[in-house]
N, C-alpha and C. Protein backbone atom coordinates (compact mmCIF):
# COMPACT_ATOMS: atom_id res chain seq x y z
N MET A 1 118.12 113.83 100.45
CA MET A 1 117.76 113.57 99.09
C MET A 1 119.02 113.51 98.24
N SER A 2 119.01 112.59 97.30
CA SER A 2 120.17 112.43 96.43
C SER A 2 120.24 113.57 95.42
N PRO A 3 121.42 113.83 94.90
CA PRO A 3 121.57 114.91 93.94
C PRO A 3 121.12 114.49 92.53
N ASP A 4 119.84 114.18 92.38
CA ASP A 4 119.31 113.78 91.07
C ASP A 4 119.35 114.97 90.12
N ARG A 5 119.53 114.66 88.88
CA ARG A 5 119.48 115.70 87.85
C ARG A 5 118.08 115.73 87.25
N ILE A 6 117.63 116.89 86.89
CA ILE A 6 116.33 117.03 86.27
C ILE A 6 116.43 116.59 84.82
N ARG A 7 115.48 115.75 84.41
CA ARG A 7 115.42 115.26 83.04
C ARG A 7 114.09 115.70 82.43
N SER A 8 114.06 115.78 81.15
CA SER A 8 112.85 116.19 80.46
C SER A 8 112.53 115.19 79.36
N PHE A 9 111.27 114.79 79.26
CA PHE A 9 110.85 113.89 78.20
C PHE A 9 109.36 114.05 77.97
N ARG A 10 108.91 113.58 76.83
CA ARG A 10 107.50 113.68 76.47
C ARG A 10 106.74 112.46 76.99
N LEU A 11 105.50 112.71 77.40
CA LEU A 11 104.65 111.65 77.91
C LEU A 11 103.25 111.91 77.38
N ASP A 12 102.64 110.91 76.75
CA ASP A 12 101.31 111.15 76.19
C ASP A 12 100.27 111.30 77.29
N ASP A 13 99.14 111.89 76.93
CA ASP A 13 98.10 112.21 77.91
C ASP A 13 97.54 110.99 78.61
N THR A 14 97.48 109.87 77.92
CA THR A 14 96.95 108.64 78.52
C THR A 14 97.85 108.16 79.66
N LEU A 15 99.16 108.14 79.42
CA LEU A 15 100.09 107.71 80.47
C LEU A 15 100.07 108.68 81.65
N TYR A 16 100.03 109.97 81.34
CA TYR A 16 100.00 110.98 82.40
C TYR A 16 98.74 110.82 83.25
N ALA A 17 97.60 110.56 82.61
CA ALA A 17 96.35 110.37 83.35
C ALA A 17 96.44 109.14 84.26
N GLY A 18 97.07 108.09 83.77
CA GLY A 18 97.24 106.90 84.60
C GLY A 18 98.12 107.18 85.81
N LEU A 19 99.18 107.94 85.61
CA LEU A 19 100.05 108.31 86.73
C LEU A 19 99.31 109.19 87.74
N GLN A 20 98.42 110.05 87.24
CA GLN A 20 97.64 110.90 88.14
C GLN A 20 96.68 110.06 88.98
N ILE A 21 96.09 109.04 88.38
CA ILE A 21 95.20 108.14 89.11
C ILE A 21 95.98 107.44 90.23
N LEU A 22 97.18 106.95 89.91
CA LEU A 22 98.00 106.31 90.94
C LEU A 22 98.34 107.27 92.07
N GLU A 23 98.68 108.51 91.71
CA GLU A 23 99.03 109.48 92.73
C GLU A 23 97.83 109.77 93.64
N ASP A 24 96.67 109.94 93.04
CA ASP A 24 95.47 110.21 93.85
C ASP A 24 95.08 109.02 94.71
N ARG A 25 95.20 107.83 94.15
CA ARG A 25 94.77 106.63 94.86
C ARG A 25 95.77 106.17 95.91
N ASP A 26 97.06 106.12 95.53
CA ASP A 26 98.08 105.53 96.40
C ASP A 26 98.97 106.55 97.08
N GLY A 27 98.93 107.80 96.63
CA GLY A 27 99.77 108.82 97.23
C GLY A 27 101.21 108.80 96.77
N VAL A 28 101.50 108.04 95.70
CA VAL A 28 102.86 107.97 95.17
C VAL A 28 103.00 109.03 94.08
N LEU A 29 104.00 109.89 94.22
CA LEU A 29 104.21 110.95 93.25
C LEU A 29 104.44 110.38 91.85
N LYS A 30 104.04 111.11 90.84
CA LYS A 30 104.22 110.68 89.46
C LYS A 30 105.70 110.41 89.17
N SER A 31 106.56 111.28 89.63
CA SER A 31 108.00 111.11 89.36
C SER A 31 108.52 109.83 90.00
N GLU A 32 108.05 109.49 91.19
CA GLU A 32 108.49 108.26 91.85
C GLU A 32 107.97 107.04 91.11
N SER A 33 106.74 107.10 90.63
CA SER A 33 106.19 105.98 89.85
C SER A 33 107.01 105.75 88.59
N ILE A 34 107.42 106.84 87.94
CA ILE A 34 108.24 106.72 86.73
C ILE A 34 109.59 106.11 87.07
N ARG A 35 110.23 106.56 88.15
CA ARG A 35 111.53 105.99 88.55
C ARG A 35 111.40 104.50 88.83
N ARG A 36 110.35 104.11 89.55
CA ARG A 36 110.15 102.69 89.87
C ARG A 36 109.94 101.87 88.60
N ALA A 37 109.17 102.40 87.66
CA ALA A 37 108.91 101.68 86.42
C ALA A 37 110.18 101.52 85.60
N ILE A 38 110.98 102.56 85.54
CA ILE A 38 112.23 102.48 84.77
C ILE A 38 113.18 101.47 85.41
N ARG A 39 113.29 101.49 86.75
CA ARG A 39 114.16 100.51 87.43
C ARG A 39 113.70 99.09 87.14
N ALA A 40 112.38 98.85 87.21
CA ALA A 40 111.85 97.50 86.95
C ALA A 40 112.11 97.08 85.50
N TRP A 41 111.94 98.00 84.57
CA TRP A 41 112.17 97.71 83.16
C TRP A 41 113.64 97.38 82.90
N LEU A 42 114.54 98.17 83.49
CA LEU A 42 115.97 97.91 83.33
C LEU A 42 116.36 96.56 83.94
N ALA A 43 115.80 96.24 85.11
CA ALA A 43 116.08 94.95 85.74
C ALA A 43 115.58 93.81 84.86
N ALA A 44 114.40 93.97 84.27
CA ALA A 44 113.85 92.93 83.39
C ALA A 44 114.70 92.74 82.15
N LYS A 45 115.36 93.80 81.71
CA LYS A 45 116.24 93.73 80.55
C LYS A 45 117.64 93.26 80.92
N GLY A 46 117.89 93.01 82.20
CA GLY A 46 119.18 92.51 82.64
C GLY A 46 120.27 93.56 82.74
N VAL A 47 119.88 94.82 82.88
CA VAL A 47 120.86 95.90 82.99
C VAL A 47 121.32 95.99 84.45
N PRO A 48 122.61 95.79 84.70
CA PRO A 48 123.09 95.89 86.09
C PRO A 48 123.06 97.34 86.55
N MET A 49 122.52 97.54 87.74
CA MET A 49 122.41 98.88 88.30
C MET A 49 123.27 98.96 89.57
N PRO A 50 124.02 100.04 89.72
CA PRO A 50 124.78 100.20 90.97
C PRO A 50 123.82 100.36 92.14
N ALA A 51 124.25 99.92 93.30
CA ALA A 51 123.43 100.06 94.50
C ALA A 51 123.25 101.53 94.81
N GLU A 52 122.06 101.87 95.28
CA GLU A 52 121.80 103.26 95.65
C GLU A 52 122.51 103.59 96.94
N LYS A 53 123.02 104.79 97.02
CA LYS A 53 123.73 105.22 98.21
C LYS A 53 122.77 105.28 99.39
N GLY A 54 123.18 104.67 100.49
CA GLY A 54 122.38 104.72 101.71
C GLY A 54 121.22 103.75 101.74
N ALA A 55 121.00 102.98 100.69
CA ALA A 55 119.86 102.09 100.64
C ALA A 55 119.99 100.95 101.64
N SER A 56 121.21 100.48 101.88
CA SER A 56 121.38 99.34 102.77
C SER A 56 121.95 99.73 104.13
N ARG A 57 122.12 101.01 104.36
CA ARG A 57 122.67 101.44 105.65
C ARG A 57 121.63 101.33 106.74
N ARG A 58 122.04 100.82 107.86
CA ARG A 58 121.15 100.72 109.01
C ARG A 58 121.51 101.78 110.01
N VAL A 59 120.51 102.31 110.67
CA VAL A 59 120.72 103.31 111.69
C VAL A 59 120.96 102.60 113.01
N LYS A 60 122.04 102.98 113.68
CA LYS A 60 122.35 102.37 114.97
C LYS A 60 121.40 102.90 116.03
N ALA A 61 121.04 102.04 116.96
CA ALA A 61 120.17 102.43 118.05
C ALA A 61 120.92 103.39 118.99
N ARG A 62 120.19 104.36 119.52
CA ARG A 62 120.79 105.29 120.47
C ARG A 62 120.99 104.61 121.81
N ARG A 63 122.08 104.98 122.45
CA ARG A 63 122.33 104.46 123.79
C ARG A 63 121.77 105.43 124.81
N LYS A 64 121.19 104.90 125.83
CA LYS A 64 120.69 105.75 126.91
C LYS A 64 121.85 106.16 127.79
N ALA A 65 121.81 107.37 128.24
CA ALA A 65 122.89 107.91 129.08
C ALA A 65 122.86 107.34 130.47
C-alpha cells in the first residue's frame, strides 16, 4: 500500500448515502470511489497527474528449477 496521507473533508448525507449504495452493490470502498472520482474529475479538467508508483510494473514469471 502506498503511503497515502489521511485527509478530512465534509460530505453531505446524500453523497455519503450514494457511496454506501455503491459499496454495498459493487463492493468498492467509499474511499476508493472518492479517489476514482477525483482522478476522473482532474483528468477532465486537464490536470496532468504523475504516474502512480508500481502501476505499470509487470511481475516476471517464475522459472522452474
